[in-house]
C-alpha atoms as a PDB file:
ATOM      1  CA  MET A   1      66.760  95.364 112.442  1.00  0.00           C
ATOM      2  CA  HIS A   2      66.348  91.859 113.859  1.00  0.00           C
ATOM      3  CA  ILE A   3      69.244  90.524 111.761  1.00  0.00           C
ATOM      4  CA  ILE A   4      71.443  93.434 112.844  1.00  0.00           C
ATOM      5  CA  VAL A   5      70.649  92.745 116.504  1.00  0.00           C
ATOM      6  CA  VAL A   6      71.427  89.035 116.092  1.00  0.00           C
ATOM      7  CA  SER A   7      74.654  89.744 114.192  1.00  0.00           C
ATOM      8  CA  LEU A   8      75.876  92.090 116.943  1.00  0.00           C
ATOM      9  CA  MET A   9      75.082  89.438 119.546  1.00  0.00           C
ATOM     10  CA  TYR A  10      77.179  86.988 117.540  1.00  0.00           C
ATOM     11  CA  ALA A  11      79.917  89.620 117.292  1.00  0.00           C
ATOM     12  CA  VAL A  12      80.195  89.606 121.100  1.00  0.00           C
ATOM     13  CA  LEU A  13      80.195  85.798 121.154  1.00  0.00           C
ATOM     14  CA  ILE A  14      82.781  85.335 118.397  1.00  0.00           C
ATOM     15  CA  SER A  15      85.027  88.100 119.708  1.00  0.00           C
ATOM     16  CA  SER A  16      85.128  86.384 123.092  1.00  0.00           C
ATOM     17  CA  LEU A  17      85.828  82.998 121.464  1.00  0.00           C
ATOM     18  CA  ASN A  18      88.639  84.687 119.539  1.00  0.00           C
ATOM     19  CA  ILE A  19      90.493  85.367 122.803  1.00  0.00           C
ATOM     20  CA  MET A  20      91.009  81.653 123.366  1.00  0.00           C
ATOM     21  CA  VAL A  21      91.148  80.357 119.800  1.00  0.00           C
ATOM     22  CA  GLY A  22      92.654  83.277 117.905  1.00  0.00           C
ATOM     23  CA  TYR A  23      95.135  84.743 120.375  1.00  0.00           C
ATOM     24  CA  VAL A  24      96.031  81.847 122.695  1.00  0.00           C
ATOM     25  CA  GLY A  25      95.710  79.181 120.011  1.00  0.00           C
ATOM     26  CA  GLU A  26      93.680  76.630 121.986  1.00  0.00           C
ATOM     27  CA  VAL A  27      90.503  75.230 120.453  1.00  0.00           C
ATOM     28  CA  SER A  28      87.686  75.350 123.006  1.00  0.00           C
ATOM     29  CA  LEU A  29      84.318  73.699 122.373  1.00  0.00           C
ATOM     30  CA  ALA A  30      82.860  74.949 125.667  1.00  0.00           C
ATOM     31  CA  HIS A  31      81.513  78.195 124.218  1.00  0.00           C
ATOM     32  CA  PRO A  32      77.899  77.004 123.783  1.00  0.00           C
ATOM     33  CA  ALA A  33      77.941  75.880 127.434  1.00  0.00           C
ATOM     34  CA  PHE A  34      78.996  79.322 128.697  1.00  0.00           C
ATOM     35  CA  TYR A  35      76.468  80.965 126.396  1.00  0.00           C
ATOM     36  CA  GLY A  36      73.731  78.648 127.682  1.00  0.00           C
ATOM     37  CA  ILE A  37      74.682  79.132 131.347  1.00  0.00           C
ATOM     38  CA  GLY A  38      74.435  82.908 130.926  1.00  0.00           C
ATOM     39  CA  ALA A  39      71.012  82.579 129.325  1.00  0.00           C
ATOM     40  CA  TYR A  40      69.689  80.235 132.016  1.00  0.00           C
ATOM     41  CA  VAL A  41      71.056  82.345 134.880  1.00  0.00           C
ATOM     42  CA  SER A  42      69.184  85.372 133.539  1.00  0.00           C
ATOM     43  CA  ALA A  43      66.011  83.390 132.852  1.00  0.00           C
ATOM     44  CA  ILE A  44      65.897  81.687 136.271  1.00  0.00           C
ATOM     45  CA  LEU A  45      66.742  84.775 138.324  1.00  0.00           C
ATOM     46  CA  SER A  46      64.361  86.994 136.330  1.00  0.00           C
ATOM     47  CA  THR A  47      61.390  84.684 136.797  1.00  0.00           C
ATOM     48  CA  ASP A  48      62.031  83.202 140.246  1.00  0.00           C
ATOM     49  CA  SER A  49      63.685  86.015 142.216  1.00  0.00           C
ATOM     50  CA  SER A  50      63.456  89.732 142.854  1.00  0.00           C
ATOM     51  CA  PHE A  51      67.036  90.497 141.816  1.00  0.00           C
ATOM     52  CA  PRO A  52      67.363  93.783 139.873  1.00  0.00           C
ATOM     53  CA  PHE A  53      68.367  93.525 136.226  1.00  0.00           C
ATOM     54  CA  PRO A  54      71.924  94.959 136.590  1.00  0.00           C
ATOM     55  CA  SER A  55      72.754  92.317 139.235  1.00  0.00           C
ATOM     56  CA  ILE A  56      71.284  89.519 137.121  1.00  0.00           C
ATOM     57  CA  PHE A  57      73.178  90.641 134.043  1.00  0.00           C
ATOM     58  CA  LEU A  58      76.436  90.832 135.992  1.00  0.00           C
ATOM     59  CA  LEU A  59      75.915  87.354 137.459  1.00  0.00           C
ATOM     60  CA  SER A  60      75.139  85.977 134.002  1.00  0.00           C
ATOM     61  CA  GLY A  61      78.750  86.655 133.074  1.00  0.00           C
ATOM     62  CA  VAL A  62      80.380  85.953 136.439  1.00  0.00           C
ATOM     63  CA  ILE A  63      78.826  82.490 136.944  1.00  0.00           C
ATOM     64  CA  PRO A  64      80.051  81.104 133.571  1.00  0.00           C
ATOM     65  CA  ALA A  65      83.453  82.622 134.375  1.00  0.00           C
ATOM     66  CA  VAL A  66      83.486  80.714 137.690  1.00  0.00           C
ATOM     67  CA  PHE A  67      82.625  77.508 135.828  1.00  0.00           C
ATOM     68  CA  ALA A  68      85.472  78.246 133.393  1.00  0.00           C
ATOM     69  CA  CYS A  69      87.865  78.776 136.301  1.00  0.00           C
ATOM     70  CA  VAL A  70      86.893  75.430 137.865  1.00  0.00           C
ATOM     71  CA  ILE A  71      86.985  73.479 134.598  1.00  0.00           C
ATOM     72  CA  GLY A  72      90.151  75.203 133.466  1.00  0.00           C
ATOM     73  CA  ALA A  73      91.930  74.564 136.763  1.00  0.00           C
ATOM     74  CA  PHE A  74      92.451  70.915 135.829  1.00  0.00           C
ATOM     75  CA  SER A  75      92.047  70.954 132.030  1.00  0.00           C
ATOM     76  CA  ILE A  76      94.167  73.927 130.930  1.00  0.00           C
ATOM     77  CA  LYS A  77      97.342  71.909 131.458  1.00  0.00           C
ATOM     78  CA  LEU A  78      96.151  69.536 128.750  1.00  0.00           C
ATOM     79  CA  ARG A  79      97.168  70.313 125.197  1.00  0.00           C
ATOM     80  CA  GLY A  80      95.727  69.700 121.781  1.00  0.00           C
ATOM     81  CA  VAL A  81      92.952  67.179 121.374  1.00  0.00           C
ATOM     82  CA  TYR A  82      92.821  66.386 125.118  1.00  0.00           C
ATOM     83  CA  PHE A  83      91.731  69.913 126.040  1.00  0.00           C
ATOM     84  CA  VAL A  84      89.283  69.887 123.121  1.00  0.00           C
ATOM     85  CA  MET A  85      87.667  66.691 124.433  1.00  0.00           C
ATOM     86  CA  VAL A  86      87.300  68.082 127.966  1.00  0.00           C
ATOM     87  CA  SER A  87      85.664  71.269 126.667  1.00  0.00           C
ATOM     88  CA  LEU A  88      83.340  69.183 124.477  1.00  0.00           C
ATOM     89  CA  ALA A  89      82.388  67.013 127.461  1.00  0.00           C
ATOM     90  CA  PHE A  90      81.544  70.132 129.478  1.00  0.00           C
ATOM     91  CA  THR A  91      79.234  71.408 126.719  1.00  0.00           C
ATOM     92  CA  LEU A  92      77.448  68.054 126.554  1.00  0.00           C
ATOM     93  CA  ILE A  93      77.064  67.965 130.349  1.00  0.00           C
ATOM     94  CA  ILE A  94      75.474  71.429 130.417  1.00  0.00           C
ATOM     95  CA  TYR A  95      73.133  70.440 127.582  1.00  0.00           C
ATOM     96  CA  PHE A  96      72.024  67.254 129.378  1.00  0.00           C
ATOM     97  CA  ILE A  97      71.535  69.147 132.657  1.00  0.00           C
ATOM     98  CA  SER A  98      69.403  71.808 130.963  1.00  0.00           C
ATOM     99  CA  ASN A  99      67.359  69.095 129.278  1.00  0.00           C
ATOM    100  CA  ASN A 100      66.832  66.821 132.297  1.00  0.00           C
ATOM    101  CA  TRP A 101      66.920  68.968 135.459  1.00  0.00           C
ATOM    102  CA  VAL A 102      63.260  69.877 135.101  1.00  0.00           C
ATOM    103  CA  ASP A 103      62.876  71.449 138.548  1.00  0.00           C
ATOM    104  CA  LEU A 104      65.500  74.047 137.721  1.00  0.00           C
ATOM    105  CA  THR A 105      65.381  74.506 133.942  1.00  0.00           C
ATOM    106  CA  ARG A 106      61.864  73.164 133.209  1.00  0.00           C
ATOM    107  CA  GLY A 107      63.439  70.701 130.791  1.00  0.00           C
ATOM    108  CA  PRO A 108      62.475  70.651 127.107  1.00  0.00           C
ATOM    109  CA  MET A 109      59.566  73.022 127.773  1.00  0.00           C
ATOM    110  CA  GLY A 110      62.041  75.748 128.653  1.00  0.00           C
ATOM    111  CA  ILE A 111      61.540  78.973 130.563  1.00  0.00           C
ATOM    112  CA  VAL A 112      59.045  81.331 128.928  1.00  0.00           C
ATOM    113  CA  ASN A 113      57.562  84.772 129.511  1.00  0.00           C
ATOM    114  CA  ILE A 114      60.836  86.202 130.741  1.00  0.00           C
ATOM    115  CA  PRO A 115      60.214  89.800 131.863  1.00  0.00           C
ATOM    116  CA  TYR A 116      61.768  92.696 129.992  1.00  0.00           C
ATOM    117  CA  PRO A 117      64.886  94.172 131.655  1.00  0.00           C
ATOM    118  CA  GLN A 118      64.289  97.297 133.679  1.00  0.00           C
ATOM    119  CA  ILE A 119      67.125  99.774 134.167  1.00  0.00           C
ATOM    120  CA  GLY A 120      66.942 102.415 136.871  1.00  0.00           C
ATOM    121  CA  LEU A 121      68.764 105.628 135.935  1.00  0.00           C
ATOM    122  CA  PRO A 122      69.634 108.388 138.444  1.00  0.00           C
ATOM    123  CA  PHE A 123      67.274 111.392 138.221  1.00  0.00           C
ATOM    124  CA  LEU A 124      65.443 109.736 135.316  1.00  0.00           C
ATOM    125  CA  PRO A 125      62.390 107.485 135.083  1.00  0.00           C
ATOM    126  CA  GLU A 126      62.990 103.751 134.960  1.00  0.00           C
ATOM    127  CA  LEU A 127      63.803 102.494 131.473  1.00  0.00           C
ATOM    128  CA  VAL A 128      62.174  99.269 130.269  1.00  0.00           C
ATOM    129  CA  VAL A 129      64.059  97.640 127.386  1.00  0.00           C
ATOM    130  CA  ARG A 130      61.075  96.500 125.387  1.00  0.00           C
ATOM    131  CA  THR A 131      61.221  97.474 121.709  1.00  0.00           C
ATOM    132  CA  ARG A 132      63.582  96.136 119.072  1.00  0.00           C
ATOM    133  CA  THR A 133      65.218  99.563 118.893  1.00  0.00           C
ATOM    134  CA  HIS A 134      65.924  99.421 122.623  1.00  0.00           C
ATOM    135  CA  PHE A 135      67.536  96.005 122.231  1.00  0.00           C
ATOM    136  CA  TYR A 136      69.564  97.278 119.292  1.00  0.00           C
ATOM    137  CA  TYR A 137      71.151 100.004 121.428  1.00  0.00           C
ATOM    138  CA  PHE A 138      71.582  97.529 124.290  1.00  0.00           C
ATOM    139  CA  ILE A 139      73.584  95.062 122.175  1.00  0.00           C
ATOM    140  CA  LEU A 140      75.415  97.867 120.366  1.00  0.00           C
ATOM    141  CA  ILE A 141      76.741  99.197 123.688  1.00  0.00           C
ATOM    142  CA  LEU A 142      77.694  95.675 124.790  1.00  0.00           C
ATOM    143  CA  THR A 143      79.505  95.080 121.478  1.00  0.00           C
ATOM    144  CA  ILE A 144      81.443  98.339 121.750  1.00  0.00           C
ATOM    145  CA  ILE A 145      82.481  97.538 125.339  1.00  0.00           C
ATOM    146  CA  THR A 146      83.558  94.027 124.303  1.00  0.00           C
ATOM    147  CA  VAL A 147      85.600  95.216 121.329  1.00  0.00           C
ATOM    148  CA  LEU A 148      87.279  98.035 123.279  1.00  0.00           C
ATOM    149  CA  PHE A 149      88.153  95.677 126.131  1.00  0.00           C
ATOM    150  CA  ILE A 150      89.610  93.007 123.825  1.00  0.00           C
ATOM    151  CA  THR A 151      91.530  95.641 121.847  1.00  0.00           C
ATOM    152  CA  ARG A 152      93.153  96.967 125.023  1.00  0.00           C
ATOM    153  CA  LEU A 153      93.771  93.413 126.207  1.00  0.00           C
ATOM    154  CA  VAL A 154      95.601  92.190 123.098  1.00  0.00           C
ATOM    155  CA  ARG A 155      97.724  95.355 122.962  1.00  0.00           C
ATOM    156  CA  SER A 156      98.764  94.961 126.581  1.00  0.00           C
ATOM    157  CA  ARG A 157     101.523  92.855 128.105  1.00  0.00           C
ATOM    158  CA  ILE A 158      99.012  90.053 128.711  1.00  0.00           C
ATOM    159  CA  GLY A 159      98.069  90.089 125.025  1.00  0.00           C
ATOM    160  CA  SER A 160     101.699  89.701 123.999  1.00  0.00           C
ATOM    161  CA  PHE A 161     101.945  86.689 126.327  1.00  0.00           C
ATOM    162  CA  PHE A 162      98.823  85.227 124.690  1.00  0.00           C
ATOM    163  CA  VAL A 163     100.449  85.465 121.262  1.00  0.00           C
ATOM    164  CA  ALA A 164     103.715  84.002 122.570  1.00  0.00           C
ATOM    165  CA  VAL A 165     101.819  80.997 123.931  1.00  0.00           C
ATOM    166  CA  ARG A 166     100.022  80.596 120.603  1.00  0.00           C
ATOM    167  CA  GLU A 167     103.198  80.700 118.536  1.00  0.00           C
ATOM    168  CA  ASN A 168     105.335  78.348 120.638  1.00  0.00           C
ATOM    169  CA  GLN A 169     104.287  77.133 124.069  1.00  0.00           C
ATOM    170  CA  ASP A 170     107.603  75.436 124.890  1.00  0.00           C
ATOM    171  CA  LEU A 171     109.615  78.502 123.939  1.00  0.00           C
ATOM    172  CA  ALA A 172     107.266  80.799 125.867  1.00  0.00           C
ATOM    173  CA  GLU A 173     107.593  78.598 128.956  1.00  0.00           C
ATOM    174  CA  SER A 174     111.385  78.563 128.659  1.00  0.00           C
ATOM    175  CA  LEU A 175     111.325  82.368 128.676  1.00  0.00           C
ATOM    176  CA  GLY A 176     109.528  82.371 132.011  1.00  0.00           C
ATOM    177  CA  ILE A 177     105.934  82.893 130.818  1.00  0.00           C
ATOM    178  CA  ASN A 178     103.438  81.032 133.003  1.00  0.00           C
ATOM    179  CA  ILE A 179     101.415  79.483 130.170  1.00  0.00           C
ATOM    180  CA  TYR A 180      98.975  77.834 132.605  1.00  0.00           C
ATOM    181  CA  LYS A 181      98.123  81.210 134.158  1.00  0.00           C
ATOM    182  CA  TYR A 182      97.558  83.044 130.887  1.00  0.00           C
ATOM    183  CA  LYS A 183      95.564  80.228 129.307  1.00  0.00           C
ATOM    184  CA  LEU A 184      93.298  80.237 132.359  1.00  0.00           C
ATOM    185  CA  ILE A 185      92.869  84.028 132.156  1.00  0.00           C
ATOM    186  CA  ALA A 186      91.869  83.739 128.493  1.00  0.00           C
ATOM    187  CA  PHE A 187      89.451  80.885 129.241  1.00  0.00           C
ATOM    188  CA  VAL A 188      87.739  82.845 132.019  1.00  0.00           C
ATOM    189  CA  LEU A 189      87.427  86.016 129.916  1.00  0.00           C
ATOM    190  CA  THR A 190      85.984  83.964 127.074  1.00  0.00           C
ATOM    191  CA  ALA A 191      83.297  82.605 129.409  1.00  0.00           C
ATOM    192  CA  LEU A 192      82.561  86.038 130.911  1.00  0.00           C
ATOM    193  CA  PHE A 193      81.567  87.692 127.626  1.00  0.00           C
ATOM    194  CA  ALA A 194      79.839  84.549 126.320  1.00  0.00           C
ATOM    195  CA  GLY A 195      77.657  84.577 129.440  1.00  0.00           C
ATOM    196  CA  TRP A 196      76.695  88.198 128.862  1.00  0.00           C
ATOM    197  CA  ALA A 197      75.785  87.402 125.257  1.00  0.00           C
ATOM    198  CA  GLY A 198      73.613  84.552 126.562  1.00  0.00           C
ATOM    199  CA  SER A 199      71.926  86.943 128.971  1.00  0.00           C
ATOM    200  CA  PHE A 200      71.110  89.312 126.121  1.00  0.00           C
ATOM    201  CA  TYR A 201      69.667  86.412 124.124  1.00  0.00           C
ATOM    202  CA  CYS A 202      67.471  85.479 127.089  1.00  0.00           C
ATOM    203  CA  TYR A 203      65.927  88.951 127.339  1.00  0.00           C
ATOM    204  CA  TYR A 204      65.666  89.497 123.600  1.00  0.00           C
ATOM    205  CA  VAL A 205      63.951  86.204 122.731  1.00  0.00           C
ATOM    206  CA  ARG A 206      62.225  85.838 126.145  1.00  0.00           C
ATOM    207  CA  VAL A 207      62.347  82.043 125.842  1.00  0.00           C
ATOM    208  CA  VAL A 208      65.229  79.812 126.939  1.00  0.00           C
ATOM    209  CA  THR A 209      65.267  76.105 126.048  1.00  0.00           C
ATOM    210  CA  PRO A 210      68.030  73.443 126.156  1.00  0.00           C
ATOM    211  CA  GLN A 211      68.791  74.185 122.500  1.00  0.00           C
ATOM    212  CA  VAL A 212      70.590  77.351 123.615  1.00  0.00           C
ATOM    213  CA  ALA A 213      73.444  75.144 124.892  1.00  0.00           C
ATOM    214  CA  ASP A 214      73.350  72.740 121.947  1.00  0.00           C
ATOM    215  CA  PHE A 215      76.670  71.677 120.436  1.00  0.00           C
ATOM    216  CA  TYR A 216      75.268  72.683 117.040  1.00  0.00           C
ATOM    217  CA  TYR A 217      76.142  76.290 117.833  1.00  0.00           C
ATOM    218  CA  ILE A 218      79.870  75.602 117.955  1.00  0.00           C
ATOM    219  CA  VAL A 219      79.797  74.912 114.204  1.00  0.00           C
ATOM    220  CA  THR A 220      78.267  78.328 113.563  1.00  0.00           C
ATOM    221  CA  PHE A 221      80.741  79.998 115.943  1.00  0.00           C
ATOM    222  CA  PHE A 222      83.792  78.522 114.233  1.00  0.00           C
ATOM    223  CA  ILE A 223      82.469  79.288 110.756  1.00  0.00           C
ATOM    224  CA  MET A 224      82.127  82.951 111.708  1.00  0.00           C
ATOM    225  CA  LEU A 225      85.523  83.061 113.425  1.00  0.00           C
ATOM    226  CA  ILE A 226      87.587  81.259 110.786  1.00  0.00           C
ATOM    227  CA  ALA A 227      85.914  82.876 107.777  1.00  0.00           C
ATOM    228  CA  GLY A 228      86.103  86.338 109.347  1.00  0.00           C
ATOM    229  CA  GLY A 229      89.714  85.989 110.451  1.00  0.00           C
ATOM    230  CA  ARG A 230      90.874  84.649 113.791  1.00  0.00           C
ATOM    231  CA  GLY A 231      93.524  86.490 115.756  1.00  0.00           C
ATOM    232  CA  THR A 232      92.228  89.874 114.590  1.00  0.00           C
ATOM    233  CA  ILE A 233      89.871  92.445 116.089  1.00  0.00           C
ATOM    234  CA  GLY A 234      87.726  93.039 113.014  1.00  0.00           C
ATOM    235  CA  GLY A 235      87.566  89.444 111.775  1.00  0.00           C
ATOM    236  CA  PRO A 236      85.062  88.072 114.316  1.00  0.00           C
ATOM    237  CA  ILE A 237      82.793  91.101 113.863  1.00  0.00           C
ATOM    238  CA  LEU A 238      82.868  90.861 110.065  1.00  0.00           C
ATOM    239  CA  GLY A 239      82.327  87.093 110.141  1.00  0.00           C
ATOM    240  CA  ALA A 240      79.396  87.462 112.535  1.00  0.00           C
ATOM    241  CA  ILE A 241      77.727  90.082 110.339  1.00  0.00           C
ATOM    242  CA  ILE A 242      78.276  88.285 107.011  1.00  0.00           C
ATOM    243  CA  PHE A 243      77.218  84.853 108.216  1.00  0.00           C
ATOM    244  CA  SER A 244      74.182  86.261 109.996  1.00  0.00           C
ATOM    245  CA  PHE A 245      72.901  88.014 106.887  1.00  0.00           C
ATOM    246  CA  ILE A 246      73.705  85.342 104.278  1.00  0.00           C
ATOM    247  CA  PRO A 247      71.438  82.587 105.713  1.00  0.00           C
ATOM    248  CA  GLU A 248      68.550  85.044 105.897  1.00  0.00           C
ATOM    249  CA  TYR A 249      68.910  86.158 102.285  1.00  0.00           C
ATOM    250  CA  LEU A 250      69.255  82.535 101.177  1.00  0.00           C
ATOM    251  CA  ARG A 251      65.738  81.820 102.447  1.00  0.00           C
ATOM    252  CA  VAL A 252      64.538  82.585  98.916  1.00  0.00           C
ATOM    253  CA  THR A 253      66.199  79.332  97.826  1.00  0.00           C
ATOM    254  CA  ALA A 254      64.355  77.052 100.202  1.00  0.00           C
ATOM    255  CA  TYR A 255      65.800  73.800  98.837  1.00  0.00           C
ATOM    256  CA  LEU A 256      69.284  75.083  98.000  1.00  0.00           C
ATOM    257  CA  ARG A 257      69.825  77.271 101.051  1.00  0.00           C
ATOM    258  CA  ASP A 258      72.134  74.944 102.998  1.00  0.00           C
ATOM    259  CA  THR A 259      73.945  73.865  99.826  1.00  0.00           C
ATOM    260  CA  VAL A 260      74.655  77.432  98.724  1.00  0.00           C
ATOM    261  CA  TYR A 261      75.684  78.362 102.272  1.00  0.00           C
ATOM    262  CA  GLY A 262      78.106  75.434 102.406  1.00  0.00           C
ATOM    263  CA  LEU A 263      79.589  76.242  98.993  1.00  0.00           C
ATOM    264  CA  LEU A 264      80.122  79.877 100.008  1.00  0.00           C
ATOM    265  CA  LEU A 265      81.914  78.699 103.110  1.00  0.00           C
ATOM    266  CA  ILE A 266      84.155  76.291 101.179  1.00  0.00           C
ATOM    267  CA  VAL A 267      85.066  78.955  98.627  1.00  0.00           C
ATOM    268  CA  THR A 268      85.819  81.480 101.376  1.00  0.00           C
ATOM    269  CA  ILE A 269      88.097  79.114 103.285  1.00  0.00           C
ATOM    270  CA  TYR A 270      89.823  77.839 100.120  1.00  0.00           C
ATOM    271  CA  PHE A 271      90.636  81.232  98.624  1.00  0.00           C
ATOM    272  CA  LEU A 272      90.933  83.176 101.908  1.00  0.00           C
ATOM    273  CA  PRO A 273      92.457  80.703 104.391  1.00  0.00           C
ATOM    274  CA  GLU A 274      93.445  83.493 106.790  1.00  0.00           C
ATOM    275  CA  GLY A 275      89.946  84.986 106.696  1.00  0.00           C
ATOM    276  CA  ILE A 276      88.174  87.838 104.980  1.00  0.00           C
ATOM    277  CA  TRP A 277      89.307  90.633 107.309  1.00  0.00           C
ATOM    278  CA  PRO A 278      93.092  90.088 106.894  1.00  0.00           C
ATOM    279  CA  ARG A 279      92.665  90.149 103.101  1.00  0.00           C
ATOM    280  CA  ILE A 280      90.736  93.440 103.285  1.00  0.00           C
ATOM    281  CA  VAL A 281      93.475  94.934 105.463  1.00  0.00           C
ATOM    282  CA  GLU A 282      96.136  93.694 103.040  1.00  0.00           C
ATOM    283  CA  VAL A 283      94.345  95.259 100.063  1.00  0.00           C
ATOM    284  CA  PHE A 284      94.083  98.618 101.834  1.00  0.00           C
ATOM    285  CA  ARG A 285      97.766  98.543 102.770  1.00  0.00           C
ATOM    286  CA  ARG A 286      98.730  97.898  99.144  1.00  0.00           C
ATOM    287  CA  LYS A 287      96.534 100.759  98.000  1.00  0.00           C
END
């Protein structure tokens, strides 16, 4: 159950990253920063304020989205490696702030004993999300909302503009598409859902440390996205599930775990360069 919960949390994270990387075609390394900001917003407000859980959860997505809007306002115009470097710098800044601003984040000690979320329902007693089963349904609902929203988004007019920007930015701009506007929209939406995933992590683990915004996570995110299949709806979900379960089952090979994991990744990328999900879809279409 724990692995399922974690894999669904990653499904939300990778699906949101897919908006920017898979559909717009811009590599962003700021995802761990947005994820960490969402986690810290929930942790700080839950322990140091009397805000109700729904408001805290909403702010955990909105505040990273505001950061994305500010950062994107001057960096979205950059292309290629220049945008990548700015997004990387932002992730490193958030990590250093979380590690050194002790008065706010409590530094390396982190924020502990985060209270369980309490949800007030009309005409029903207050629900406390406490058990692993409760958290499973919590993240399942969030995953369904995320997938439905992204599905509607990519099938809309905005989604077609995203793909046009990905395929040929100069051609899209010559056709009158405001590439700056649509890149910024994608960047903000990416941060919004990443922040909500970070909020879920905060309440599920009940401990938030600077490692939540560590650059190490971006490696895991891109492995799941690329191996699953970027630019698809099912790819990020499949990649998140597979590469959440595999490391756990490889614990039986204590000394070979990372080696086997790396070899599986190399084989997957070599033989399935477009990802696992597109190949599955292709096989079903042939059948």
